[in-house]
Amino acid sequence: MRHRKAGRSLRRTSEQRLALLRNLATSLIEQGAIETTEAKAKELRPFVEKLITKARTGTLHARRLAGKHVQKRAAADKLFQVVGPKLATRAGGYTRILKTGHRKGDGADMARIEIIQG
């Protein structure tokens, strides 16, 4: 039974899942929007929104906490200098998930996750 087991395992160990979410978050911050499976997009949304909330404050402590997950310096700089200030007045809901159909190879449900513009 899965009582009180939050989140999706994505058929990975916890270390692999964390690495996947970190890489997807870095790509999303760098590119603004990415296309991935619907399950990965739904898991990525709260992960990225917590990072953007930290970027809104812009403190050194928040930068160090976010640096634990966004390990590329250019992506971290973009998060704190562009994305955070742009969404500073917004009270949450920084990302949008759009379903894009099925993948040709295996029929997986695909989705596009993007950061809301201003």
PDB file of N, CA and C in Angstrom:
ATOM      1  N   MET A   1       0.832  -1.186   0.000  1.00  0.00           N
ATOM      2  CA  MET A   1       0.000   0.000   0.000  1.00  0.00           C
ATOM      3  C   MET A   1       0.873   1.245   0.000  1.00  0.00           C
ATOM      4  N   ARG A   2       0.363   2.310  -0.636  1.00  0.00           N
ATOM      5  CA  ARG A   2       1.129   3.540  -0.770  1.00  0.00           C
ATOM      6  C   ARG A   2       0.594   4.633   0.147  1.00  0.00           C
ATOM      7  N   HIS A   3       0.037   4.308   1.274  1.00  0.00           N
ATOM      8  CA  HIS A   3      -0.511   5.331   2.143  1.00  0.00           C
ATOM      9  C   HIS A   3       0.564   6.322   2.558  1.00  0.00           C
ATOM     10  N   ARG A   4       0.279   7.593   2.397  1.00  0.00           N
ATOM     11  CA  ARG A   4       1.145   8.714   2.796  1.00  0.00           C
ATOM     12  C   ARG A   4       2.485   8.724   2.070  1.00  0.00           C
ATOM     13  N   LYS A   5       2.546   8.162   0.885  1.00  0.00           N
ATOM     14  CA  LYS A   5       3.758   8.179   0.068  1.00  0.00           C
ATOM     15  C   LYS A   5       3.564   9.230  -1.019  1.00  0.00           C
ATOM     16  N   ALA A   6       4.031  10.418  -0.769  1.00  0.00           N
ATOM     17  CA  ALA A   6       3.827  11.518  -1.705  1.00  0.00           C
ATOM     18  C   ALA A   6       4.865  11.472  -2.817  1.00  0.00           C
ATOM     19  N   GLY A   7       4.508  11.973  -3.972  1.00  0.00           N
ATOM     20  CA  GLY A   7       5.449  12.078  -5.077  1.00  0.00           C
ATOM     21  C   GLY A   7       5.512  10.815  -5.912  1.00  0.00           C
ATOM     22  N   ARG A   8       6.097  10.949  -7.084  1.00  0.00           N
ATOM     23  CA  ARG A   8       6.246   9.831  -8.013  1.00  0.00           C
ATOM     24  C   ARG A   8       7.664   9.305  -7.946  1.00  0.00           C
ATOM     25  N   SER A   9       7.833   8.013  -8.075  1.00  0.00           N
ATOM     26  CA  SER A   9       9.184   7.450  -8.026  1.00  0.00           C
ATOM     27  C   SER A   9       9.871   7.547  -9.370  1.00  0.00           C
ATOM     28  N   LEU A  10       9.103   7.653 -10.465  1.00  0.00           N
ATOM     29  CA  LEU A  10       9.645   7.743 -11.823  1.00  0.00           C
ATOM     30  C   LEU A  10      10.578   6.577 -12.144  1.00  0.00           C
ATOM     31  N   ARG A  11      10.358   5.445 -11.491  1.00  0.00           N
ATOM     32  CA  ARG A  11      11.151   4.215 -11.707  1.00  0.00           C
ATOM     33  C   ARG A  11      12.644   4.444 -11.479  1.00  0.00           C
ATOM     34  N   ARG A  12      12.987   5.272 -10.504  1.00  0.00           N
ATOM     35  CA  ARG A  12      14.382   5.605 -10.219  1.00  0.00           C
ATOM     36  C   ARG A  12      14.624   5.553  -8.710  1.00  0.00           C
ATOM     37  N   THR A  13      15.903   5.439  -8.350  1.00  0.00           N
ATOM     38  CA  THR A  13      16.256   5.553  -6.935  1.00  0.00           C
ATOM     39  C   THR A  13      16.164   7.022  -6.538  1.00  0.00           C
ATOM     40  N   SER A  14      16.237   7.293  -5.258  1.00  0.00           N
ATOM     41  CA  SER A  14      16.095   8.674  -4.791  1.00  0.00           C
ATOM     42  C   SER A  14      17.229   9.558  -5.308  1.00  0.00           C
ATOM     43  N   GLU A  15      18.452   9.025  -5.401  1.00  0.00           N
ATOM     44  CA  GLU A  15      19.574   9.802  -5.904  1.00  0.00           C
ATOM     45  C   GLU A  15      19.407  10.119  -7.381  1.00  0.00           C
ATOM     46  N   GLN A  16      18.960   9.121  -8.149  1.00  0.00           N
ATOM     47  CA  GLN A  16      18.738   9.340  -9.576  1.00  0.00           C
ATOM     48  C   GLN A  16      17.607  10.332  -9.814  1.00  0.00           C
ATOM     49  N   ARG A  17      16.563  10.245  -8.984  1.00  0.00           N
ATOM     50  CA  ARG A  17      15.424  11.148  -9.114  1.00  0.00           C
ATOM     51  C   ARG A  17      15.833  12.581  -8.802  1.00  0.00           C
ATOM     52  N   LEU A  18      16.644  12.781  -7.769  1.00  0.00           N
ATOM     53  CA  LEU A  18      17.110  14.120  -7.426  1.00  0.00           C
ATOM     54  C   LEU A  18      17.998  14.684  -8.529  1.00  0.00           C
ATOM     55  N   ALA A  19      18.870  13.851  -9.088  1.00  0.00           N
ATOM     56  CA  ALA A  19      19.728  14.300 -10.181  1.00  0.00           C
ATOM     57  C   ALA A  19      18.889  14.674 -11.403  1.00  0.00           C
ATOM     58  N   LEU A  20      17.859  13.884 -11.696  1.00  0.00           N
ATOM     59  CA  LEU A  20      16.971  14.182 -12.813  1.00  0.00           C
ATOM     60  C   LEU A  20      16.272  15.520 -12.611  1.00  0.00           C
ATOM     61  N   LEU A  21      15.721  15.753 -11.425  1.00  0.00           N
ATOM     62  CA  LEU A  21      15.019  17.003 -11.152  1.00  0.00           C
ATOM     63  C   LEU A  21      15.959  18.196 -11.199  1.00  0.00           C
ATOM     64  N   ARG A  22      17.189  18.034 -10.714  1.00  0.00           N
ATOM     65  CA  ARG A  22      18.160  19.129 -10.784  1.00  0.00           C
ATOM     66  C   ARG A  22      18.493  19.479 -12.228  1.00  0.00           C
ATOM     67  N   ASN A  23      18.687  18.448 -13.067  1.00  0.00           N
ATOM     68  CA  ASN A  23      19.014  18.696 -14.469  1.00  0.00           C
ATOM     69  C   ASN A  23      17.836  19.313 -15.218  1.00  0.00           C
ATOM     70  N   LEU A  24      16.632  18.818 -14.962  1.00  0.00           N
ATOM     71  CA  LEU A  24      15.454  19.393 -15.608  1.00  0.00           C
ATOM     72  C   LEU A  24      15.236  20.842 -15.160  1.00  0.00           C
ATOM     73  N   ALA A  25      15.447  21.118 -13.884  1.00  0.00           N
ATOM     74  CA  ALA A  25      15.272  22.483 -13.379  1.00  0.00           C
ATOM     75  C   ALA A  25      16.291  23.427 -14.004  1.00  0.00           C
ATOM     76  N   THR A  26      17.543  22.971 -14.116  1.00  0.00           N
ATOM     77  CA  THR A  26      18.575  23.801 -14.737  1.00  0.00           C
ATOM     78  C   THR A  26      18.228  24.088 -16.188  1.00  0.00           C
ATOM     79  N   SER A  27      17.781  23.087 -16.920  1.00  0.00           N
ATOM     80  CA  SER A  27      17.391  23.286 -18.322  1.00  0.00           C
ATOM     81  C   SER A  27      16.207  24.230 -18.436  1.00  0.00           C
ATOM     82  N   LEU A  28      15.243  24.104 -17.543  1.00  0.00           N
ATOM     83  CA  LEU A  28      14.073  24.978 -17.578  1.00  0.00           C
ATOM     84  C   LEU A  28      14.462  26.426 -17.318  1.00  0.00           C
ATOM     85  N   ILE A  29      15.361  26.647 -16.367  1.00  0.00           N
ATOM     86  CA  ILE A  29      15.795  28.006 -16.062  1.00  0.00           C
ATOM     87  C   ILE A  29      16.589  28.587 -17.222  1.00  0.00           C
ATOM     88  N   GLU A  30      17.460  27.792 -17.826  1.00  0.00           N
ATOM     89  CA  GLU A  30      18.275  28.273 -18.933  1.00  0.00           C
ATOM     90  C   GLU A  30      17.441  28.576 -20.176  1.00  0.00           C
ATOM     91  N   GLN A  31      16.491  27.704 -20.509  1.00  0.00           N
ATOM     92  CA  GLN A  31      15.768  27.818 -21.771  1.00  0.00           C
ATOM     93  C   GLN A  31      14.392  28.458 -21.639  1.00  0.00           C
ATOM     94  N   GLY A  32      13.834  28.509 -20.446  1.00  0.00           N
ATOM     95  CA  GLY A  32      12.524  29.099 -20.258  1.00  0.00           C
ATOM     96  C   GLY A  32      11.373  28.121 -20.413  1.00  0.00           C
ATOM     97  N   ALA A  33      11.556  27.086 -21.241  1.00  0.00           N
ATOM     98  CA  ALA A  33      10.520  26.066 -21.443  1.00  0.00           C
ATOM     99  C   ALA A  33      11.192  24.799 -21.952  1.00  0.00           C
ATOM    100  N   ILE A  34      10.684  23.656 -21.499  1.00  0.00           N
ATOM    101  CA  ILE A  34      11.202  22.372 -21.978  1.00  0.00           C
ATOM    102  C   ILE A  34      10.039  21.430 -22.206  1.00  0.00           C
ATOM    103  N   GLU A  35      10.263  20.419 -23.027  1.00  0.00           N
ATOM    104  CA  GLU A  35       9.250  19.392 -23.257  1.00  0.00           C
ATOM    105  C   GLU A  35       9.753  18.079 -22.673  1.00  0.00           C
ATOM    106  N   THR A  36       8.931  17.477 -21.839  1.00  0.00           N
ATOM    107  CA  THR A  36       9.278  16.237 -21.164  1.00  0.00           C
ATOM    108  C   THR A  36       8.002  15.437 -20.964  1.00  0.00           C
ATOM    109  N   THR A  37       8.099  14.314 -20.287  1.00  0.00           N
ATOM    110  CA  THR A  37       6.883  13.541 -20.034  1.00  0.00           C
ATOM    111  C   THR A  37       6.015  14.274 -19.010  1.00  0.00           C
ATOM    112  N   GLU A  38       4.750  13.971 -19.033  1.00  0.00           N
ATOM    113  CA  GLU A  38       3.806  14.653 -18.151  1.00  0.00           C
ATOM    114  C   GLU A  38       4.114  14.380 -16.675  1.00  0.00           C
ATOM    115  N   ALA A  39       4.502  13.159 -16.342  1.00  0.00           N
ATOM    116  CA  ALA A  39       4.812  12.812 -14.955  1.00  0.00           C
ATOM    117  C   ALA A  39       6.035  13.579 -14.461  1.00  0.00           C
ATOM    118  N   LYS A  40       7.068  13.688 -15.315  1.00  0.00           N
ATOM    119  CA  LYS A  40       8.260  14.429 -14.924  1.00  0.00           C
ATOM    120  C   LYS A  40       7.943  15.913 -14.773  1.00  0.00           C
ATOM    121  N   ALA A  41       7.100  16.441 -15.651  1.00  0.00           N
ATOM    122  CA  ALA A  41       6.721  17.854 -15.566  1.00  0.00           C
ATOM    123  C   ALA A  41       5.961  18.141 -14.279  1.00  0.00           C
ATOM    124  N   LYS A  42       5.081  17.215 -13.894  1.00  0.00           N
ATOM    125  CA  LYS A  42       4.305  17.417 -12.666  1.00  0.00           C
ATOM    126  C   LYS A  42       5.173  17.316 -11.420  1.00  0.00           C
ATOM    127  N   GLU A  43       6.226  16.518 -11.467  1.00  0.00           N
ATOM    128  CA  GLU A  43       7.162  16.441 -10.348  1.00  0.00           C
ATOM    129  C   GLU A  43       8.091  17.645 -10.329  1.00  0.00           C
ATOM    130  N   LEU A  44       8.408  18.162 -11.507  1.00  0.00           N
ATOM    131  CA  LEU A  44       9.337  19.290 -11.612  1.00  0.00           C
ATOM    132  C   LEU A  44       8.716  20.592 -11.127  1.00  0.00           C
ATOM    133  N   ARG A  45       7.419  20.745 -11.314  1.00  0.00           N
ATOM    134  CA  ARG A  45       6.763  22.014 -10.981  1.00  0.00           C
ATOM    135  C   ARG A  45       7.010  22.488  -9.548  1.00  0.00           C
ATOM    136  N   PRO A  46       6.727  21.704  -8.491  1.00  0.00           N
ATOM    137  CA  PRO A  46       6.987  22.222  -7.138  1.00  0.00           C
ATOM    138  C   PRO A  46       8.472  22.411  -6.866  1.00  0.00           C
ATOM    139  N   PHE A  47       9.316  21.594  -7.479  1.00  0.00           N
ATOM    140  CA  PHE A  47      10.765  21.712  -7.295  1.00  0.00           C
ATOM    141  C   PHE A  47      11.246  23.074  -7.797  1.00  0.00           C
ATOM    142  N   VAL A  48      10.816  23.466  -8.993  1.00  0.00           N
ATOM    143  CA  VAL A  48      11.241  24.733  -9.587  1.00  0.00           C
ATOM    144  C   VAL A  48      10.584  25.919  -8.884  1.00  0.00           C
ATOM    145  N   GLU A  49       9.331  25.766  -8.494  1.00  0.00           N
ATOM    146  CA  GLU A  49       8.651  26.892  -7.860  1.00  0.00           C
ATOM    147  C   GLU A  49       9.275  27.240  -6.511  1.00  0.00           C
ATOM    148  N   LYS A  50       9.802  26.247  -5.804  1.00  0.00           N
ATOM    149  CA  LYS A  50      10.509  26.530  -4.560  1.00  0.00           C
ATOM    150  C   LYS A  50      11.803  27.285  -4.838  1.00  0.00           C
ATOM    151  N   LEU A  51      12.495  26.939  -5.937  1.00  0.00           N
ATOM    152  CA  LEU A  51      13.716  27.654  -6.307  1.00  0.00           C
ATOM    153  C   LEU A  51      13.405  29.104  -6.682  1.00  0.00           C
ATOM    154  N   ILE A  52      12.326  29.323  -7.413  1.00  0.00           N
ATOM    155  CA  ILE A  52      11.955  30.688  -7.815  1.00  0.00           C
ATOM    156  C   ILE A  52      11.561  31.506  -6.595  1.00  0.00           C
ATOM    157  N   THR A  53      10.889  30.886  -5.631  1.00  0.00           N
ATOM    158  CA  THR A  53      10.540  31.593  -4.398  1.00  0.00           C
ATOM    159  C   THR A  53      11.794  32.042  -3.662  1.00  0.00           C
ATOM    160  N   LYS A  54      12.829  31.195  -3.643  1.00  0.00           N
ATOM    161  CA  LYS A  54      14.098  31.594  -3.032  1.00  0.00           C
ATOM    162  C   LYS A  54      14.734  32.737  -3.823  1.00  0.00           C
ATOM    163  N   ALA A  55      14.623  32.687  -5.156  1.00  0.00           N
ATOM    164  CA  ALA A  55      15.234  33.714  -6.000  1.00  0.00           C
ATOM    165  C   ALA A  55      14.545  35.060  -5.837  1.00  0.00           C
ATOM    166  N   ARG A  56      13.300  35.065  -5.426  1.00  0.00           N
ATOM    167  CA  ARG A  56      12.586  36.332  -5.233  1.00  0.00           C
ATOM    168  C   ARG A  56      13.211  37.160  -4.117  1.00  0.00           C
ATOM    169  N   THR A  57      13.712  36.502  -3.072  1.00  0.00           N
ATOM    170  CA  THR A  57      14.319  37.252  -1.970  1.00  0.00           C
ATOM    171  C   THR A  57      15.679  37.789  -2.372  1.00  0.00           C
ATOM    172  N   GLY A  58      16.464  36.981  -3.082  1.00  0.00           N
ATOM    173  CA  GLY A  58      17.754  37.437  -3.578  1.00  0.00           C
ATOM    174  C   GLY A  58      18.851  37.526  -2.539  1.00  0.00           C
ATOM    175  N   THR A  59      18.655  36.961  -1.358  1.00  0.00           N
ATOM    176  CA  THR A  59      19.686  37.042  -0.325  1.00  0.00           C
ATOM    177  C   THR A  59      20.796  36.027  -0.599  1.00  0.00           C
ATOM    178  N   LEU A  60      21.912  36.220   0.060  1.00  0.00           N
ATOM    179  CA  LEU A  60      23.029  35.299  -0.082  1.00  0.00           C
ATOM    180  C   LEU A  60      22.652  33.906   0.414  1.00  0.00           C
ATOM    181  N   HIS A  61      21.904  33.854   1.515  1.00  0.00           N
ATOM    182  CA  HIS A  61      21.473  32.568   2.044  1.00  0.00           C
ATOM    183  C   HIS A  61      20.583  31.832   1.039  1.00  0.00           C
ATOM    184  N   ALA A  62      19.659  32.548   0.409  1.00  0.00           N
ATOM    185  CA  ALA A  62      18.788  31.939  -0.594  1.00  0.00           C
ATOM    186  C   ALA A  62      19.591  31.465  -1.798  1.00  0.00           C
ATOM    187  N   ARG A  63      20.600  32.242  -2.188  1.00  0.00           N
ATOM    188  CA  ARG A  63      21.448  31.851  -3.321  1.00  0.00           C
ATOM    189  C   ARG A  63      22.215  30.572  -3.002  1.00  0.00           C
ATOM    190  N   ARG A  64      22.677  30.436  -1.785  1.00  0.00           N
ATOM    191  CA  ARG A  64      23.408  29.218  -1.404  1.00  0.00           C
ATOM    192  C   ARG A  64      22.480  28.015  -1.337  1.00  0.00           C
ATOM    193  N   LEU A  65      21.265  28.217  -0.839  1.00  0.00           N
ATOM    194  CA  LEU A  65      20.298  27.118  -0.797  1.00  0.00           C
ATOM    195  C   LEU A  65      19.916  26.679  -2.205  1.00  0.00           C
ATOM    196  N   ALA A  66      19.706  27.630  -3.099  1.00  0.00           N
ATOM    197  CA  ALA A  66      19.348  27.298  -4.478  1.00  0.00           C
ATOM    198  C   ALA A  66      20.546  26.712  -5.218  1.00  0.00           C
ATOM    199  N   GLY A  67      21.748  27.119  -4.865  1.00  0.00           N
ATOM    200  CA  GLY A  67      22.955  26.609  -5.505  1.00  0.00           C
ATOM    201  C   GLY A  67      23.176  25.132  -5.260  1.00  0.00           C
ATOM    202  N   LYS A  68      22.514  24.608  -4.240  1.00  0.00           N
ATOM    203  CA  LYS A  68      22.593  23.178  -3.968  1.00  0.00           C
ATOM    204  C   LYS A  68      21.928  22.380  -5.088  1.00  0.00           C
ATOM    205  N   HIS A  69      20.924  22.977  -5.732  1.00  0.00           N
ATOM    206  CA  HIS A  69      20.183  22.283  -6.772  1.00  0.00           C
ATOM    207  C   HIS A  69      20.525  22.775  -8.181  1.00  0.00           C
ATOM    208  N   VAL A  70      20.806  24.058  -8.329  1.00  0.00           N
ATOM    209  CA  VAL A  70      21.182  24.614  -9.635  1.00  0.00           C
ATOM    210  C   VAL A  70      22.694  24.807  -9.599  1.00  0.00           C
ATOM    211  N   GLN A  71      23.415  23.854 -10.142  1.00  0.00           N
ATOM    212  CA  GLN A  71      24.857  23.845  -9.968  1.00  0.00           C
ATOM    213  C   GLN A  71      25.619  24.522 -11.094  1.00  0.00           C
ATOM    214  N   LYS A  72      24.925  24.951 -12.150  1.00  0.00           N
ATOM    215  CA  LYS A  72      25.567  25.736 -13.202  1.00  0.00           C
ATOM    216  C   LYS A  72      25.509  27.200 -12.815  1.00  0.00           C
ATOM    217  N   ARG A  73      26.655  27.864 -12.817  1.00  0.00           N
ATOM    218  CA  ARG A  73      26.719  29.248 -12.363  1.00  0.00           C
ATOM    219  C   ARG A  73      25.864  30.164 -13.232  1.00  0.00           C
ATOM    220  N   ALA A  74      25.880  29.963 -14.545  1.00  0.00           N
ATOM    221  CA  ALA A  74      25.108  30.824 -15.446  1.00  0.00           C
ATOM    222  C   ALA A  74      23.602  30.677 -15.188  1.00  0.00           C
ATOM    223  N   ALA A  75      23.159  29.454 -14.942  1.00  0.00           N
ATOM    224  CA  ALA A  75      21.738  29.228 -14.668  1.00  0.00           C
ATOM    225  C   ALA A  75      21.339  29.842 -13.325  1.00  0.00           C
ATOM    226  N   ALA A  76      22.198  29.727 -12.323  1.00  0.00           N
ATOM    227  CA  ALA A  76      21.909  30.321 -11.015  1.00  0.00           C
ATOM    228  C   ALA A  76      21.857  31.847 -11.118  1.00  0.00           C
ATOM    229  N   ASP A  77      22.769  32.421 -11.892  1.00  0.00           N
ATOM    230  CA  ASP A  77      22.755  33.872 -12.081  1.00  0.00           C
ATOM    231  C   ASP A  77      21.481  34.319 -12.783  1.00  0.00           C
ATOM    232  N   LYS A  78      21.070  33.575 -13.803  1.00  0.00           N
ATOM    233  CA  LYS A  78      19.835  33.916 -14.507  1.00  0.00           C
ATOM    234  C   LYS A  78      18.636  33.796 -13.579  1.00  0.00           C
ATOM    235  N   LEU A  79      18.628  32.770 -12.730  1.00  0.00           N
ATOM    236  CA  LEU A  79      17.539  32.574 -11.782  1.00  0.00           C
ATOM    237  C   LEU A  79      17.407  33.767 -10.852  1.00  0.00           C
ATOM    238  N   PHE A  80      18.518  34.259 -10.336  1.00  0.00           N
ATOM    239  CA  PHE A  80      18.471  35.337  -9.348  1.00  0.00           C
ATOM    240  C   PHE A  80      18.445  36.728  -9.962  1.00  0.00           C
ATOM    241  N   GLN A  81      18.953  36.914 -11.166  1.00  0.00           N
ATOM    242  CA  GLN A  81      19.009  38.248 -11.762  1.00  0.00           C
ATOM    243  C   GLN A  81      17.871  38.520 -12.731  1.00  0.00           C
ATOM    244  N   VAL A  82      17.306  37.472 -13.345  1.00  0.00           N
ATOM    245  CA  VAL A  82      16.263  37.672 -14.351  1.00  0.00           C
ATOM    246  C   VAL A  82      14.915  37.110 -13.876  1.00  0.00           C
ATOM    247  N   VAL A  83      14.884  35.832 -13.564  1.00  0.00           N
ATOM    248  CA  VAL A  83      13.619  35.160 -13.273  1.00  0.00           C
ATOM    249  C   VAL A  83      13.021  35.632 -11.948  1.00  0.00           C
ATOM    250  N   GLY A  84      13.826  35.687 -10.894  1.00  0.00           N
ATOM    251  CA  GLY A  84      13.320  36.077  -9.581  1.00  0.00           C
ATOM    252  C   GLY A  84      12.727  37.475  -9.549  1.00  0.00           C
ATOM    253  N   PRO A  85      13.474  38.497 -10.004  1.00  0.00           N
ATOM    254  CA  PRO A  85      12.906  39.853  -9.997  1.00  0.00           C
ATOM    255  C   PRO A  85      11.687  40.006 -10.908  1.00  0.00           C
ATOM    256  N   LYS A  86      11.660  39.263 -12.023  1.00  0.00           N
ATOM    257  CA  LYS A  86      10.541  39.360 -12.952  1.00  0.00           C
ATOM    258  C   LYS A  86       9.242  38.852 -12.311  1.00  0.00           C
ATOM    259  N   LEU A  87       9.354  37.854 -11.432  1.00  0.00           N
ATOM    260  CA  LEU A  87       8.181  37.253 -10.803  1.00  0.00           C
ATOM    261  C   LEU A  87       8.013  37.693  -9.346  1.00  0.00           C
ATOM    262  N   ALA A  88       8.668  38.784  -8.957  1.00  0.00           N
ATOM    263  CA  ALA A  88       8.668  39.211  -7.558  1.00  0.00           C
ATOM    264  C   ALA A  88       7.281  39.614  -7.071  1.00  0.00           C
ATOM    265  N   THR A  89       6.439  40.141  -7.945  1.00  0.00           N
ATOM    266  CA  THR A  89       5.116  40.594  -7.516  1.00  0.00           C
ATOM    267  C   THR A  89       4.069  39.492  -7.596  1.00  0.00           C
ATOM    268  N   ARG A  90       4.412  38.383  -8.194  1.00  0.00           N
ATOM    269  CA  ARG A  90       3.460  37.276  -8.362  1.00  0.00           C
ATOM    270  C   ARG A  90       3.421  36.426  -7.090  1.00  0.00           C
ATOM    271  N   ALA A  91       2.240  35.994  -6.681  1.00  0.00           N
ATOM    272  CA  ALA A  91       2.076  35.262  -5.423  1.00  0.00           C
ATOM    273  C   ALA A  91       2.054  33.755  -5.630  1.00  0.00           C
ATOM    274  N   GLY A  92       2.922  33.230  -6.476  1.00  0.00           N
ATOM    275  CA  GLY A  92       2.975  31.797  -6.714  1.00  0.00           C
ATOM    276  C   GLY A  92       2.489  31.465  -8.111  1.00  0.00           C
ATOM    277  N   GLY A  93       2.553  30.205  -8.465  1.00  0.00           N
ATOM    278  CA  GLY A  93       2.121  29.781  -9.789  1.00  0.00           C
ATOM    279  C   GLY A  93       3.048  30.301 -10.866  1.00  0.00           C
ATOM    280  N   TYR A  94       4.336  30.027 -10.742  1.00  0.00           N
ATOM    281  CA  TYR A  94       5.330  30.580 -11.657  1.00  0.00           C
ATOM    282  C   TYR A  94       5.495  29.754 -12.923  1.00  0.00           C
ATOM    283  N   THR A  95       4.938  28.548 -12.948  1.00  0.00           N
ATOM    284  CA  THR A  95       5.120  27.683 -14.104  1.00  0.00           C
ATOM    285  C   THR A  95       3.772  27.266 -14.671  1.00  0.00           C
ATOM    286  N   ARG A  96       3.801  26.831 -15.927  1.00  0.00           N
ATOM    287  CA  ARG A  96       2.604  26.382 -16.627  1.00  0.00           C
ATOM    288  C   ARG A  96       2.928  25.059 -17.301  1.00  0.00           C
ATOM    289  N   ILE A  97       2.023  24.105 -17.216  1.00  0.00           N
ATOM    290  CA  ILE A  97       2.191  22.817 -17.887  1.00  0.00           C
ATOM    291  C   ILE A  97       1.125  22.698 -18.969  1.00  0.00           C
ATOM    292  N   LEU A  98       1.579  22.488 -20.206  1.00  0.00           N
ATOM    293  CA  LEU A  98       0.686  22.310 -21.348  1.00  0.00           C
ATOM    294  C   LEU A  98       0.878  20.910 -21.897  1.00  0.00           C
ATOM    295  N   LYS A  99      -0.191  20.150 -22.025  1.00  0.00           N
ATOM    296  CA  LYS A  99      -0.089  18.798 -22.563  1.00  0.00           C
ATOM    297  C   LYS A  99       0.076  18.888 -24.082  1.00  0.00           C
ATOM    298  N   THR A 100       1.014  18.100 -24.626  1.00  0.00           N
ATOM    299  CA  THR A 100       1.326  18.201 -26.054  1.00  0.00           C
ATOM    300  C   THR A 100       1.039  16.919 -26.824  1.00  0.00           C
ATOM    301  N   GLY A 101       0.412  15.949 -26.228  1.00  0.00           N
ATOM    302  CA  GLY A 101       0.077  14.730 -26.952  1.00  0.00           C
ATOM    303  C   GLY A 101       0.915  13.556 -26.505  1.00  0.00           C
ATOM    304  N   HIS A 102       1.122  12.606 -27.419  1.00  0.00           N
ATOM    305  CA  HIS A 102       1.821  11.377 -27.092  1.00  0.00           C
ATOM    306  C   HIS A 102       3.127  11.285 -27.870  1.00  0.00           C
ATOM    307  N   ARG A 103       4.129  10.689 -27.252  1.00  0.00           N
ATOM    308  CA  ARG A 103       5.414  10.476 -27.903  1.00  0.00           C
ATOM    309  C   ARG A 103       5.265   9.364 -28.929  1.00  0.00           C
ATOM    310  N   LYS A 104       5.912   9.544 -30.070  1.00  0.00           N
ATOM    311  CA  LYS A 104       5.758   8.599 -31.171  1.00  0.00           C
ATOM    312  C   LYS A 104       6.305   7.216 -30.819  1.00  0.00           C
ATOM    313  N   GLY A 105       7.437   7.144 -30.161  1.00  0.00           N
ATOM    314  CA  GLY A 105       8.086   5.862 -29.916  1.00  0.00           C
ATOM    315  C   GLY A 105       7.336   4.933 -28.985  1.00  0.00           C
ATOM    316  N   ASP A 106       6.938   5.446 -27.814  1.00  0.00           N
ATOM    317  CA  ASP A 106       6.318   4.570 -26.819  1.00  0.00           C
ATOM    318  C   ASP A 106       4.940   5.029 -26.364  1.00  0.00           C
ATOM    319  N   GLY A 107       4.446   6.114 -26.923  1.00  0.00           N
ATOM    320  CA  GLY A 107       3.104   6.580 -26.579  1.00  0.00           C
ATOM    321  C   GLY A 107       3.007   7.277 -25.244  1.00  0.00           C
ATOM    322  N   ALA A 108       4.138   7.686 -24.663  1.00  0.00           N
ATOM    323  CA  ALA A 108       4.105   8.366 -23.367  1.00  0.00           C
ATOM    324  C   ALA A 108       3.429   9.735 -23.505  1.00  0.00           C
ATOM    325  N   ASP A 109       2.695  10.131 -22.469  1.00  0.00           N
ATOM    326  CA  ASP A 109       2.057  11.447 -22.455  1.00  0.00           C
ATOM    327  C   ASP A 109       3.136  12.506 -22.302  1.00  0.00           C
ATOM    328  N   MET A 110       3.196  13.444 -23.253  1.00  0.00           N
ATOM    329  CA  MET A 110       4.214  14.491 -23.235  1.00  0.00           C
ATOM    330  C   MET A 110       3.582  15.804 -22.790  1.00  0.00           C
ATOM    331  N   ALA A 111       4.406  16.668 -22.210  1.00  0.00           N
ATOM    332  CA  ALA A 111       3.932  17.972 -21.748  1.00  0.00           C
ATOM    333  C   ALA A 111       5.055  18.982 -21.893  1.00  0.00           C
ATOM    334  N   ARG A 112       4.669  20.229 -22.043  1.00  0.00           N
ATOM    335  CA  ARG A 112       5.619  21.343 -22.117  1.00  0.00           C
ATOM    336  C   ARG A 112       5.465  22.137 -20.826  1.00  0.00           C
ATOM    337  N   ILE A 113       6.541  22.304 -20.106  1.00  0.00           N
ATOM    338  CA  ILE A 113       6.518  23.113 -18.884  1.00  0.00           C
ATOM    339  C   ILE A 113       7.297  24.374 -19.166  1.00  0.00           C
ATOM    340  N   GLU A 114       6.725  25.495 -18.783  1.00  0.00           N
ATOM    341  CA  GLU A 114       7.369  26.788 -19.060  1.00  0.00           C
ATOM    342  C   GLU A 114       7.200  27.721 -17.886  1.00  0.00           C
ATOM    343  N   ILE A 115       8.119  28.678 -17.799  1.00  0.00           N
ATOM    344  CA  ILE A 115       8.053  29.698 -16.761  1.00  0.00           C
ATOM    345  C   ILE A 115       7.166  30.829 -17.272  1.00  0.00           C
ATOM    346  N   ILE A 116       6.224  31.273 -16.452  1.00  0.00           N
ATOM    347  CA  ILE A 116       5.303  32.334 -16.821  1.00  0.00           C
ATOM    348  C   ILE A 116       6.088  33.624 -17.070  1.00  0.00           C
ATOM    349  N   GLN A 117       5.704  34.369 -18.088  1.00  0.00           N
ATOM    350  CA  GLN A 117       6.377  35.633 -18.413  1.00  0.00           C
ATOM    351  C   GLN A 117       5.726  36.770 -17.624  1.00  0.00           C
ATOM    352  N   GLY A 118       6.446  37.249 -16.605  1.00  0.00           N
ATOM    353  CA  GLY A 118       6.030  38.418 -15.828  1.00  0.00           C
ATOM    354  C   GLY A 118       4.716  38.261 -15.191  1.00  0.00           C
TER     355      GLY A 118
END
